[in-house]
Amino acid sequence: MDVLILRQLARQPHTTQREFAKLLSVSLGRVNYCINALLDKGWIKAQNFKRSDKKLAYAYLLTPEGLENKARITASFLQRKRAEYDALRAEIEQLSAEIEVEDAPKALLPDAEQNA
């Protein structure tokens, strides 16, 4: 979940914890726990700002260390997904080849026998 929070904060630092909870379909408590963990790691920092309704809120900004870790985690995620994609593509090719081999004898039969 850290990478999802980091990616969202890179795009929109004014995202509230309630918005995160709704966006990620998790409890507000879980978001709060993750935000605090990221603050403790030094990957983000909280900054006060006034919202349009004149209430104080936090903007969560990625620190240089947070940006570095976001890039590292994203690269690792991308590498895993590419490997999954390659494995899935190979499996699809293998299954397609098996279907072609199984259907080949039927294709050699006269039309009347194929429909039987």
PDB file of N, CA and C in Angstrom:
ATOM      1  N   MET A   1       0.823  -1.184   0.000  1.00  0.00           N
ATOM      2  CA  MET A   1       0.000   0.000   0.000  1.00  0.00           C
ATOM      3  C   MET A   1       0.872   1.254   0.000  1.00  0.00           C
ATOM      4  N   ASP A   2       2.090   1.153   0.504  1.00  0.00           N
ATOM      5  CA  ASP A   2       2.989   2.307   0.519  1.00  0.00           C
ATOM      6  C   ASP A   2       3.162   2.908  -0.866  1.00  0.00           C
ATOM      7  N   VAL A   3       3.374   2.046  -1.863  1.00  0.00           N
ATOM      8  CA  VAL A   3       3.621   2.560  -3.208  1.00  0.00           C
ATOM      9  C   VAL A   3       2.390   3.277  -3.750  1.00  0.00           C
ATOM     10  N   LEU A   4       1.201   2.793  -3.431  1.00  0.00           N
ATOM     11  CA  LEU A   4      -0.021   3.459  -3.891  1.00  0.00           C
ATOM     12  C   LEU A   4      -0.149   4.844  -3.264  1.00  0.00           C
ATOM     13  N   ILE A   5       0.162   4.931  -1.993  1.00  0.00           N
ATOM     14  CA  ILE A   5       0.110   6.223  -1.305  1.00  0.00           C
ATOM     15  C   ILE A   5       1.170   7.160  -1.869  1.00  0.00           C
ATOM     16  N   LEU A   6       2.382   6.667  -2.049  1.00  0.00           N
ATOM     17  CA  LEU A   6       3.458   7.505  -2.590  1.00  0.00           C
ATOM     18  C   LEU A   6       3.128   8.003  -3.991  1.00  0.00           C
ATOM     19  N   ARG A   7       2.579   7.134  -4.820  1.00  0.00           N
ATOM     20  CA  ARG A   7       2.229   7.537  -6.193  1.00  0.00           C
ATOM     21  C   ARG A   7       1.138   8.602  -6.183  1.00  0.00           C
ATOM     22  N   GLN A   8       0.134   8.420  -5.325  1.00  0.00           N
ATOM     23  CA  GLN A   8      -0.946   9.408  -5.242  1.00  0.00           C
ATOM     24  C   GLN A   8      -0.425  10.744  -4.718  1.00  0.00           C
ATOM     25  N   LEU A   9       0.441  10.706  -3.717  1.00  0.00           N
ATOM     26  CA  LEU A   9       0.981  11.949  -3.164  1.00  0.00           C
ATOM     27  C   LEU A   9       1.863  12.678  -4.168  1.00  0.00           C
ATOM     28  N   ALA A  10       2.548  11.938  -5.021  1.00  0.00           N
ATOM     29  CA  ALA A  10       3.358  12.576  -6.061  1.00  0.00           C
ATOM     30  C   ALA A  10       2.453  13.344  -7.025  1.00  0.00           C
ATOM     31  N   ARG A  11       1.263  12.795  -7.283  1.00  0.00           N
ATOM     32  CA  ARG A  11       0.311  13.455  -8.189  1.00  0.00           C
ATOM     33  C   ARG A  11      -0.485  14.544  -7.483  1.00  0.00           C
ATOM     34  N   GLN A  12      -0.901  14.272  -6.246  1.00  0.00           N
ATOM     35  CA  GLN A  12      -1.812  15.169  -5.533  1.00  0.00           C
ATOM     36  C   GLN A  12      -1.470  15.196  -4.040  1.00  0.00           C
ATOM     37  N   PRO A  13      -0.549  16.077  -3.631  1.00  0.00           N
ATOM     38  CA  PRO A  13      -0.109  16.097  -2.229  1.00  0.00           C
ATOM     39  C   PRO A  13      -1.189  16.507  -1.228  1.00  0.00           C
ATOM     40  N   HIS A  14      -2.267  17.104  -1.702  1.00  0.00           N
ATOM     41  CA  HIS A  14      -3.329  17.543  -0.797  1.00  0.00           C
ATOM     42  C   HIS A  14      -4.397  16.472  -0.567  1.00  0.00           C
ATOM     43  N   THR A  15      -4.140  15.253  -1.001  1.00  0.00           N
ATOM     44  CA  THR A  15      -5.085  14.156  -0.777  1.00  0.00           C
ATOM     45  C   THR A  15      -5.226  13.928   0.725  1.00  0.00           C
ATOM     46  N   THR A  16      -6.465  13.912   1.200  1.00  0.00           N
ATOM     47  CA  THR A  16      -6.700  13.698   2.631  1.00  0.00           C
ATOM     48  C   THR A  16      -6.696  12.204   2.945  1.00  0.00           C
ATOM     49  N   GLN A  17      -6.565  11.909   4.228  1.00  0.00           N
ATOM     50  CA  GLN A  17      -6.599  10.508   4.635  1.00  0.00           C
ATOM     51  C   GLN A  17      -7.958   9.883   4.321  1.00  0.00           C
ATOM     52  N   ARG A  18      -9.027  10.642   4.457  1.00  0.00           N
ATOM     53  CA  ARG A  18     -10.361  10.131   4.104  1.00  0.00           C
ATOM     54  C   ARG A  18     -10.439   9.815   2.614  1.00  0.00           C
ATOM     55  N   GLU A  19      -9.866  10.685   1.795  1.00  0.00           N
ATOM     56  CA  GLU A  19      -9.855  10.440   0.353  1.00  0.00           C
ATOM     57  C   GLU A  19      -9.045   9.190   0.024  1.00  0.00           C
ATOM     58  N   PHE A  20      -7.915   9.011   0.721  1.00  0.00           N
ATOM     59  CA  PHE A  20      -7.116   7.797   0.536  1.00  0.00           C
ATOM     60  C   PHE A  20      -7.931   6.558   0.890  1.00  0.00           C
ATOM     61  N   ALA A  21      -8.618   6.608   2.020  1.00  0.00           N
ATOM     62  CA  ALA A  21      -9.408   5.459   2.471  1.00  0.00           C
ATOM     63  C   ALA A  21     -10.448   5.086   1.418  1.00  0.00           C
ATOM     64  N   LYS A  22     -11.115   6.086   0.879  1.00  0.00           N
ATOM     65  CA  LYS A  22     -12.132   5.829  -0.144  1.00  0.00           C
ATOM     66  C   LYS A  22     -11.484   5.322  -1.429  1.00  0.00           C
ATOM     67  N   LEU A  23     -10.413   5.966  -1.854  1.00  0.00           N
ATOM     68  CA  LEU A  23      -9.713   5.609  -3.089  1.00  0.00           C
ATOM     69  C   LEU A  23      -9.174   4.181  -3.046  1.00  0.00           C
ATOM     70  N   LEU A  24      -8.629   3.777  -1.908  1.00  0.00           N
ATOM     71  CA  LEU A  24      -7.998   2.463  -1.769  1.00  0.00           C
ATOM     72  C   LEU A  24      -8.938   1.402  -1.185  1.00  0.00           C
ATOM     73  N   SER A  25     -10.148   1.811  -0.836  1.00  0.00           N
ATOM     74  CA  SER A  25     -11.136   0.897  -0.235  1.00  0.00           C
ATOM     75  C   SER A  25     -10.599   0.222   1.024  1.00  0.00           C
ATOM     76  N   VAL A  26     -10.015   1.038   1.891  1.00  0.00           N
ATOM     77  CA  VAL A  26      -9.517   0.548   3.179  1.00  0.00           C
ATOM     78  C   VAL A  26     -10.027   1.485   4.272  1.00  0.00           C
ATOM     79  N   SER A  27      -9.830   1.094   5.516  1.00  0.00           N
ATOM     80  CA  SER A  27     -10.302   1.915   6.630  1.00  0.00           C
ATOM     81  C   SER A  27      -9.421   3.148   6.808  1.00  0.00           C
ATOM     82  N   LEU A  28     -10.014   4.169   7.405  1.00  0.00           N
ATOM     83  CA  LEU A  28      -9.273   5.388   7.713  1.00  0.00           C
ATOM     84  C   LEU A  28      -8.121   5.079   8.667  1.00  0.00           C
ATOM     85  N   GLY A  29      -8.349   4.169   9.606  1.00  0.00           N
ATOM     86  CA  GLY A  29      -7.297   3.781  10.551  1.00  0.00           C
ATOM     87  C   GLY A  29      -6.090   3.170   9.858  1.00  0.00           C
ATOM     88  N   ARG A  30      -6.349   2.353   8.848  1.00  0.00           N
ATOM     89  CA  ARG A  30      -5.239   1.729   8.108  1.00  0.00           C
ATOM     90  C   ARG A  30      -4.442   2.785   7.346  1.00  0.00           C
ATOM     91  N   VAL A  31      -5.151   3.733   6.731  1.00  0.00           N
ATOM     92  CA  VAL A  31      -4.470   4.817   6.016  1.00  0.00           C
ATOM     93  C   VAL A  31      -3.624   5.620   6.992  1.00  0.00           C
ATOM     94  N   ASN A  32      -4.198   5.945   8.149  1.00  0.00           N
ATOM     95  CA  ASN A  32      -3.477   6.715   9.156  1.00  0.00           C
ATOM     96  C   ASN A  32      -2.211   5.986   9.583  1.00  0.00           C
ATOM     97  N   TYR A  33      -2.325   4.677   9.793  1.00  0.00           N
ATOM     98  CA  TYR A  33      -1.170   3.859  10.176  1.00  0.00           C
ATOM     99  C   TYR A  33      -0.080   3.923   9.095  1.00  0.00           C
ATOM    100  N   CYS A  34      -0.469   3.774   7.831  1.00  0.00           N
ATOM    101  CA  CYS A  34       0.497   3.794   6.723  1.00  0.00           C
ATOM    102  C   CYS A  34       1.142   5.166   6.568  1.00  0.00           C
ATOM    103  N   ILE A  35       0.337   6.224   6.682  1.00  0.00           N
ATOM    104  CA  ILE A  35       0.873   7.590   6.581  1.00  0.00           C
ATOM    105  C   ILE A  35       1.895   7.821   7.692  1.00  0.00           C
ATOM    106  N   ASN A  36       1.547   7.413   8.912  1.00  0.00           N
ATOM    107  CA  ASN A  36       2.482   7.583  10.032  1.00  0.00           C
ATOM    108  C   ASN A  36       3.761   6.779   9.828  1.00  0.00           C
ATOM    109  N   ALA A  37       3.647   5.587   9.258  1.00  0.00           N
ATOM    110  CA  ALA A  37       4.838   4.775   8.979  1.00  0.00           C
ATOM    111  C   ALA A  37       5.724   5.475   7.949  1.00  0.00           C
ATOM    112  N   LEU A  38       5.108   6.065   6.921  1.00  0.00           N
ATOM    113  CA  LEU A  38       5.882   6.788   5.903  1.00  0.00           C
ATOM    114  C   LEU A  38       6.530   8.037   6.497  1.00  0.00           C
ATOM    115  N   LEU A  39       5.830   8.699   7.411  1.00  0.00           N
ATOM    116  CA  LEU A  39       6.413   9.853   8.108  1.00  0.00           C
ATOM    117  C   LEU A  39       7.612   9.408   8.948  1.00  0.00           C
ATOM    118  N   ASP A  40       7.456   8.289   9.679  1.00  0.00           N
ATOM    119  CA  ASP A  40       8.539   7.765  10.522  1.00  0.00           C
ATOM    120  C   ASP A  40       9.762   7.360   9.703  1.00  0.00           C
ATOM    121  N   LYS A  41       9.530   6.808   8.505  1.00  0.00           N
ATOM    122  CA  LYS A  41      10.642   6.413   7.630  1.00  0.00           C
ATOM    123  C   LYS A  41      11.333   7.627   7.013  1.00  0.00           C
ATOM    124  N   GLY A  42      10.654   8.773   7.056  1.00  0.00           N
ATOM    125  CA  GLY A  42      11.212   9.973   6.442  1.00  0.00           C
ATOM    126  C   GLY A  42      10.945  10.057   4.945  1.00  0.00           C
ATOM    127  N   TRP A  43       9.989   9.270   4.454  1.00  0.00           N
ATOM    128  CA  TRP A  43       9.686   9.263   3.020  1.00  0.00           C
ATOM    129  C   TRP A  43       8.737  10.383   2.633  1.00  0.00           C
ATOM    130  N   ILE A  44       7.940  10.849   3.619  1.00  0.00           N
ATOM    131  CA  ILE A  44       7.059  11.992   3.393  1.00  0.00           C
ATOM    132  C   ILE A  44       7.172  12.938   4.575  1.00  0.00           C
ATOM    133  N   LYS A  45       6.730  14.177   4.369  1.00  0.00           N
ATOM    134  CA  LYS A  45       6.619  15.119   5.475  1.00  0.00           C
ATOM    135  C   LYS A  45       5.256  15.787   5.369  1.00  0.00           C
ATOM    136  N   ALA A  46       4.714  16.159   6.520  1.00  0.00           N
ATOM    137  CA  ALA A  46       3.398  16.788   6.562  1.00  0.00           C
ATOM    138  C   ALA A  46       3.578  18.289   6.706  1.00  0.00           C
ATOM    139  N   GLN A  47       2.759  19.006   5.962  1.00  0.00           N
ATOM    140  CA  GLN A  47       2.822  20.462   5.999  1.00  0.00           C
ATOM    141  C   GLN A  47       1.396  20.993   6.122  1.00  0.00           C
ATOM    142  N   ASN A  48       1.172  21.937   7.042  1.00  0.00           N
ATOM    143  CA  ASN A  48      -0.158  22.524   7.199  1.00  0.00           C
ATOM    144  C   ASN A  48      -0.469  23.458   6.041  1.00  0.00           C
ATOM    145  N   PHE A  49      -1.736  23.485   5.655  1.00  0.00           N
ATOM    146  CA  PHE A  49      -2.211  24.478   4.694  1.00  0.00           C
ATOM    147  C   PHE A  49      -3.686  24.729   4.969  1.00  0.00           C
ATOM    148  N   LYS A  50      -4.191  25.865   4.488  1.00  0.00           N
ATOM    149  CA  LYS A  50      -5.612  26.181   4.662  1.00  0.00           C
ATOM    150  C   LYS A  50      -6.372  25.757   3.432  1.00  0.00           C
ATOM    151  N   ARG A  51      -7.417  24.971   3.660  1.00  0.00           N
ATOM    152  CA  ARG A  51      -8.280  24.563   2.558  1.00  0.00           C
ATOM    153  C   ARG A  51      -9.218  25.709   2.205  1.00  0.00           C
ATOM    154  N   SER A  52      -9.943  25.549   1.118  1.00  0.00           N
ATOM    155  CA  SER A  52     -10.861  26.593   0.671  1.00  0.00           C
ATOM    156  C   SER A  52     -11.981  26.857   1.684  1.00  0.00           C
ATOM    157  N   ASP A  53     -12.302  25.845   2.503  1.00  0.00           N
ATOM    158  CA  ASP A  53     -13.332  26.054   3.524  1.00  0.00           C
ATOM    159  C   ASP A  53     -12.731  26.616   4.809  1.00  0.00           C
ATOM    160  N   LYS A  54     -11.513  27.129   4.710  1.00  0.00           N
ATOM    161  CA  LYS A  54     -10.779  27.802   5.790  1.00  0.00           C
ATOM    162  C   LYS A  54     -10.416  26.886   6.956  1.00  0.00           C
ATOM    163  N   LYS A  55     -10.482  25.578   6.737  1.00  0.00           N
ATOM    164  CA  LYS A  55     -10.035  24.627   7.749  1.00  0.00           C
ATOM    165  C   LYS A  55      -8.577  24.295   7.485  1.00  0.00           C
ATOM    166  N   LEU A  56      -7.870  23.979   8.559  1.00  0.00           N
ATOM    167  CA  LEU A  56      -6.487  23.538   8.394  1.00  0.00           C
ATOM    168  C   LEU A  56      -6.467  22.085   7.943  1.00  0.00           C
ATOM    169  N   ALA A  57      -5.541  21.774   7.086  1.00  0.00           N
ATOM    170  CA  ALA A  57      -5.378  20.403   6.603  1.00  0.00           C
ATOM    171  C   ALA A  57      -3.887  20.156   6.413  1.00  0.00           C
ATOM    172  N   TYR A  58      -3.552  18.939   6.041  1.00  0.00           N
ATOM    173  CA  TYR A  58      -2.160  18.584   5.784  1.00  0.00           C
ATOM    174  C   TYR A  58      -1.944  18.333   4.302  1.00  0.00           C
ATOM    175  N   ALA A  59      -0.806  18.775   3.844  1.00  0.00           N
ATOM    176  CA  ALA A  59      -0.312  18.359   2.531  1.00  0.00           C
ATOM    177  C   ALA A  59       0.841  17.416   2.845  1.00  0.00           C
ATOM    178  N   TYR A  60       0.835  16.256   2.238  1.00  0.00           N
ATOM    179  CA  TYR A  60       1.902  15.282   2.453  1.00  0.00           C
ATOM    180  C   TYR A  60       2.845  15.359   1.267  1.00  0.00           C
ATOM    181  N   LEU A  61       4.072  15.763   1.535  1.00  0.00           N
ATOM    182  CA  LEU A  61       5.054  15.962   0.472  1.00  0.00           C
ATOM    183  C   LEU A  61       6.099  14.860   0.503  1.00  0.00           C
ATOM    184  N   LEU A  62       6.446  14.364  -0.663  1.00  0.00           N
ATOM    185  CA  LEU A  62       7.497  13.357  -0.737  1.00  0.00           C
ATOM    186  C   LEU A  62       8.847  14.019  -0.487  1.00  0.00           C
ATOM    187  N   THR A  63       9.638  13.380   0.338  1.00  0.00           N
ATOM    188  CA  THR A  63      11.001  13.852   0.583  1.00  0.00           C
ATOM    189  C   THR A  63      11.897  13.272  -0.514  1.00  0.00           C
ATOM    190  N   PRO A  64      13.127  13.746  -0.634  1.00  0.00           N
ATOM    191  CA  PRO A  64      14.039  13.134  -1.612  1.00  0.00           C
ATOM    192  C   PRO A  64      14.178  11.623  -1.395  1.00  0.00           C
ATOM    193  N   GLU A  65      14.227  11.206  -0.135  1.00  0.00           N
ATOM    194  CA  GLU A  65      14.303   9.767   0.163  1.00  0.00           C
ATOM    195  C   GLU A  65      13.020   9.060  -0.272  1.00  0.00           C
ATOM    196  N   GLY A  66      11.878   9.722  -0.086  1.00  0.00           N
ATOM    197  CA  GLY A  66      10.603   9.161  -0.515  1.00  0.00           C
ATOM    198  C   GLY A  66      10.526   9.015  -2.022  1.00  0.00           C
ATOM    199  N   LEU A  67      11.013  10.019  -2.749  1.00  0.00           N
ATOM    200  CA  LEU A  67      11.038   9.951  -4.214  1.00  0.00           C
ATOM    201  C   LEU A  67      11.920   8.804  -4.687  1.00  0.00           C
ATOM    202  N   GLU A  68      13.066   8.657  -4.038  1.00  0.00           N
ATOM    203  CA  GLU A  68      14.003   7.584  -4.397  1.00  0.00           C
ATOM    204  C   GLU A  68      13.373   6.209  -4.156  1.00  0.00           C
ATOM    205  N   ASN A  69      12.732   6.045  -3.013  1.00  0.00           N
ATOM    206  CA  ASN A  69      12.104   4.759  -2.691  1.00  0.00           C
ATOM    207  C   ASN A  69      10.887   4.490  -3.559  1.00  0.00           C
ATOM    208  N   LYS A  70      10.139   5.524  -3.899  1.00  0.00           N
ATOM    209  CA  LYS A  70       9.003   5.366  -4.812  1.00  0.00           C
ATOM    210  C   LYS A  70       9.496   4.847  -6.151  1.00  0.00           C
ATOM    211  N   ALA A  71      10.585   5.417  -6.655  1.00  0.00           N
ATOM    212  CA  ALA A  71      11.153   4.977  -7.936  1.00  0.00           C
ATOM    213  C   ALA A  71      11.637   3.529  -7.845  1.00  0.00           C
ATOM    214  N   ARG A  72      12.290   3.176  -6.744  1.00  0.00           N
ATOM    215  CA  ARG A  72      12.799   1.812  -6.557  1.00  0.00           C
ATOM    216  C   ARG A  72      11.657   0.806  -6.480  1.00  0.00           C
ATOM    217  N   ILE A  73      10.638   1.119  -5.692  1.00  0.00           N
ATOM    218  CA  ILE A  73       9.494   0.215  -5.532  1.00  0.00           C
ATOM    219  C   ILE A  73       8.737   0.073  -6.849  1.00  0.00           C
ATOM    220  N   THR A  74       8.571   1.185  -7.559  1.00  0.00           N
ATOM    221  CA  THR A  74       7.865   1.156  -8.845  1.00  0.00           C
ATOM    222  C   THR A  74       8.625   0.311  -9.857  1.00  0.00           C
ATOM    223  N   ALA A  75       9.944   0.450  -9.904  1.00  0.00           N
ATOM    224  CA  ALA A  75      10.760  -0.344 -10.830  1.00  0.00           C
ATOM    225  C   ALA A  75      10.647  -1.832 -10.506  1.00  0.00           C
ATOM    226  N   SER A  76      10.660  -2.166  -9.229  1.00  0.00           N
ATOM    227  CA  SER A  76      10.527  -3.560  -8.804  1.00  0.00           C
ATOM    228  C   SER A  76       9.150  -4.109  -9.187  1.00  0.00           C
ATOM    229  N   PHE A  77       8.107  -3.317  -8.973  1.00  0.00           N
ATOM    230  CA  PHE A  77       6.744  -3.705  -9.339  1.00  0.00           C
ATOM    231  C   PHE A  77       6.649  -3.942 -10.842  1.00  0.00           C
ATOM    232  N   LEU A  78       7.209  -3.033 -11.613  1.00  0.00           N
ATOM    233  CA  LEU A  78       7.172  -3.144 -13.070  1.00  0.00           C
ATOM    234  C   LEU A  78       7.910  -4.394 -13.544  1.00  0.00           C
ATOM    235  N   GLN A  79       9.040  -4.691 -12.941  1.00  0.00           N
ATOM    236  CA  GLN A  79       9.809  -5.884 -13.298  1.00  0.00           C
ATOM    237  C   GLN A  79       8.993  -7.156 -13.025  1.00  0.00           C
ATOM    238  N   ARG A  80       8.318  -7.201 -11.864  1.00  0.00           N
ATOM    239  CA  ARG A  80       7.470  -8.355 -11.530  1.00  0.00           C
ATOM    240  C   ARG A  80       6.332  -8.509 -12.527  1.00  0.00           C
ATOM    241  N   LYS A  81       5.684  -7.412 -12.872  1.00  0.00           N
ATOM    242  CA  LYS A  81       4.548  -7.465 -13.796  1.00  0.00           C
ATOM    243  C   LYS A  81       4.989  -7.867 -15.199  1.00  0.00           C
ATOM    244  N   ARG A  82       6.169  -7.422 -15.628  1.00  0.00           N
ATOM    245  CA  ARG A  82       6.682  -7.837 -16.940  1.00  0.00           C
ATOM    246  C   ARG A  82       6.955  -9.334 -16.963  1.00  0.00           C
ATOM    247  N   ALA A  83       7.505  -9.866 -15.879  1.00  0.00           N
ATOM    248  CA  ALA A  83       7.772 -11.306 -15.797  1.00  0.00           C
ATOM    249  C   ALA A  83       6.455 -12.085 -15.835  1.00  0.00           C
ATOM    250  N   GLU A  84       5.441 -11.596 -15.113  1.00  0.00           N
ATOM    251  CA  GLU A  84       4.125 -12.241 -15.142  1.00  0.00           C
ATOM    252  C   GLU A  84       3.543 -12.199 -16.551  1.00  0.00           C
ATOM    253  N   TYR A  85       3.686 -11.075 -17.220  1.00  0.00           N
ATOM    254  CA  TYR A  85       3.179 -10.914 -18.585  1.00  0.00           C
ATOM    255  C   TYR A  85       3.866 -11.896 -19.532  1.00  0.00           C
ATOM    256  N   ASP A  86       5.197 -11.992 -19.433  1.00  0.00           N
ATOM    257  CA  ASP A  86       5.947 -12.909 -20.298  1.00  0.00           C
ATOM    258  C   ASP A  86       5.522 -14.358 -20.064  1.00  0.00           C
ATOM    259  N   ALA A  87       5.338 -14.735 -18.799  1.00  0.00           N
ATOM    260  CA  ALA A  87       4.907 -16.102 -18.477  1.00  0.00           C
ATOM    261  C   ALA A  87       3.503 -16.365 -19.012  1.00  0.00           C
ATOM    262  N   LEU A  88       2.624 -15.403 -18.883  1.00  0.00           N
ATOM    263  CA  LEU A  88       1.258 -15.554 -19.386  1.00  0.00           C
ATOM    264  C   LEU A  88       1.242 -15.646 -20.905  1.00  0.00           C
ATOM    265  N   ARG A  89       2.044 -14.827 -21.563  1.00  0.00           N
ATOM    266  CA  ARG A  89       2.114 -14.865 -23.026  1.00  0.00           C
ATOM    267  C   ARG A  89       2.620 -16.227 -23.501  1.00  0.00           C
ATOM    268  N   ALA A  90       3.631 -16.771 -22.831  1.00  0.00           N
ATOM    269  CA  ALA A  90       4.166 -18.089 -23.197  1.00  0.00           C
ATOM    270  C   ALA A  90       3.106 -19.175 -22.998  1.00  0.00           C
ATOM    271  N   GLU A  91       2.347 -19.079 -21.915  1.00  0.00           N
ATOM    272  CA  GLU A  91       1.292 -20.063 -21.658  1.00  0.00           C
ATOM    273  C   GLU A  91       0.195 -19.972 -22.719  1.00  0.00           C
ATOM    274  N   ILE A  92      -0.163 -18.772 -23.118  1.00  0.00           N
ATOM    275  CA  ILE A  92      -1.177 -18.586 -24.165  1.00  0.00           C
ATOM    276  C   ILE A  92      -0.693 -19.183 -25.480  1.00  0.00           C
ATOM    277  N   GLU A  93       0.566 -18.940 -25.823  1.00  0.00           N
ATOM    278  CA  GLU A  93       1.126 -19.504 -27.057  1.00  0.00           C
ATOM    279  C   GLU A  93       1.119 -21.028 -27.015  1.00  0.00           C
ATOM    280  N   GLN A  94       1.468 -21.597 -25.859  1.00  0.00           N
ATOM    281  CA  GLN A  94       1.485 -23.057 -25.714  1.00  0.00           C
ATOM    282  C   GLN A  94       0.073 -23.627 -25.846  1.00  0.00           C
ATOM    283  N   LEU A  95      -0.886 -23.018 -25.195  1.00  0.00           N
ATOM    284  CA  LEU A  95      -2.268 -23.493 -25.278  1.00  0.00           C
ATOM    285  C   LEU A  95      -2.813 -23.351 -26.695  1.00  0.00           C
ATOM    286  N   SER A  96      -2.477 -22.267 -27.360  1.00  0.00           N
ATOM    287  CA  SER A  96      -2.914 -22.075 -28.750  1.00  0.00           C
ATOM    288  C   SER A  96      -2.343 -23.160 -29.648  1.00  0.00           C
ATOM    289  N   ALA A  97      -1.072 -23.502 -29.434  1.00  0.00           N
ATOM    290  CA  ALA A  97      -0.434 -24.558 -30.225  1.00  0.00           C
ATOM    291  C   ALA A  97      -1.103 -25.906 -29.959  1.00  0.00           C
ATOM    292  N   GLU A  98      -1.447 -26.186 -28.699  1.00  0.00           N
ATOM    293  CA  GLU A  98      -2.123 -27.441 -28.360  1.00  0.00           C
ATOM    294  C   GLU A  98      -3.487 -27.526 -29.034  1.00  0.00           C
ATOM    295  N   ILE A  99      -4.210 -26.430 -29.060  1.00  0.00           N
ATOM    296  CA  ILE A  99      -5.528 -26.412 -29.707  1.00  0.00           C
ATOM    297  C   ILE A  99      -5.385 -26.668 -31.195  1.00  0.00           C
ATOM    298  N   GLU A 100      -4.399 -26.061 -31.823  1.00  0.00           N
ATOM    299  CA  GLU A 100      -4.177 -26.261 -33.257  1.00  0.00           C
ATOM    300  C   GLU A 100      -3.867 -27.723 -33.557  1.00  0.00           C
ATOM    301  N   VAL A 101      -3.051 -28.369 -32.724  1.00  0.00           N
ATOM    302  CA  VAL A 101      -2.698 -29.776 -32.919  1.00  0.00           C
ATOM    303  C   VAL A 101      -3.927 -30.657 -32.729  1.00  0.00           C
ATOM    304  N   GLU A 102      -4.735 -30.371 -31.718  1.00  0.00           N
ATOM    305  CA  GLU A 102      -5.934 -31.173 -31.456  1.00  0.00           C
ATOM    306  C   GLU A 102      -6.973 -31.002 -32.558  1.00  0.00           C
ATOM    307  N   ASP A 103      -7.073 -29.809 -33.135  1.00  0.00           N
ATOM    308  CA  ASP A 103      -8.060 -29.546 -34.186  1.00  0.00           C
ATOM    309  C   ASP A 103      -7.578 -29.965 -35.568  1.00  0.00           C
ATOM    310  N   ALA A 104      -6.299 -30.194 -35.748  1.00  0.00           N
ATOM    311  CA  ALA A 104      -5.749 -30.526 -37.068  1.00  0.00           C
ATOM    312  C   ALA A 104      -6.377 -31.784 -37.660  1.00  0.00           C
ATOM    313  N   PRO A 105      -6.505 -32.903 -36.938  1.00  0.00           N
ATOM    314  CA  PRO A 105      -7.112 -34.098 -37.538  1.00  0.00           C
ATOM    315  C   PRO A 105      -8.549 -33.848 -37.993  1.00  0.00           C
ATOM    316  N   LYS A 106      -9.319 -33.064 -37.277  1.00  0.00           N
ATOM    317  CA  LYS A 106     -10.696 -32.765 -37.660  1.00  0.00           C
ATOM    318  C   LYS A 106     -10.732 -31.982 -38.963  1.00  0.00           C
ATOM    319  N   ALA A 107      -9.778 -31.117 -39.160  1.00  0.00           N
ATOM    320  CA  ALA A 107      -9.741 -30.293 -40.371  1.00  0.00           C
ATOM    321  C   ALA A 107      -9.481 -31.147 -41.604  1.00  0.00           C
ATOM    322  N   LEU A 108      -8.856 -32.320 -41.439  1.00  0.00           N
ATOM    323  CA  LEU A 108      -8.553 -33.188 -42.572  1.00  0.00           C
ATOM    324  C   LEU A 108      -9.737 -34.060 -42.978  1.00  0.00           C
ATOM    325  N   LEU A 109     -10.743 -34.174 -42.101  1.00  0.00           N
ATOM    326  CA  LEU A 109     -11.909 -35.008 -42.386  1.00  0.00           C
ATOM    327  C   LEU A 109     -12.851 -34.291 -43.353  1.00  0.00           C
ATOM    328  N   PRO A 110     -13.633 -35.070 -44.131  1.00  0.00           N
ATOM    329  CA  PRO A 110     -14.659 -34.453 -44.989  1.00  0.00           C
ATOM    330  C   PRO A 110     -15.672 -33.695 -44.134  1.00  0.00           C
ATOM    331  N   ASP A 111     -16.356 -32.727 -44.716  1.00  0.00           N
ATOM    332  CA  ASP A 111     -17.298 -31.874 -43.993  1.00  0.00           C
ATOM    333  C   ASP A 111     -18.353 -32.663 -43.230  1.00  0.00           C
ATOM    334  N   ALA A 112     -18.889 -33.699 -43.790  1.00  0.00           N
ATOM    335  CA  ALA A 112     -19.942 -34.483 -43.140  1.00  0.00           C
ATOM    336  C   ALA A 112     -19.437 -35.109 -41.850  1.00  0.00           C
ATOM    337  N   GLU A 113     -18.205 -35.592 -41.835  1.00  0.00           N
ATOM    338  CA  GLU A 113     -17.645 -36.234 -40.645  1.00  0.00           C
ATOM    339  C   GLU A 113     -17.272 -35.206 -39.580  1.00  0.00           C
ATOM    340  N   GLN A 114     -16.912 -33.983 -39.984  1.00  0.00           N
ATOM    341  CA  GLN A 114     -16.561 -32.938 -39.017  1.00  0.00           C
ATOM    342  C   GLN A 114     -17.768 -32.534 -38.192  1.00  0.00           C
ATOM    343  N   ASN A 115     -18.938 -32.526 -38.812  1.00  0.00           N
ATOM    344  CA  ASN A 115     -20.150 -32.078 -38.132  1.00  0.00           C
ATOM    345  C   ASN A 115     -20.776 -33.171 -37.278  1.00  0.00           C
ATOM    346  N   ALA A 116     -20.307 -34.386 -37.383  1.00  0.00           N
ATOM    347  CA  ALA A 116     -20.893 -35.507 -36.647  1.00  0.00           C
ATOM    348  C   ALA A 116     -20.502 -35.490 -35.203  1.00  0.00           C
TER     349      ALA A 116
END
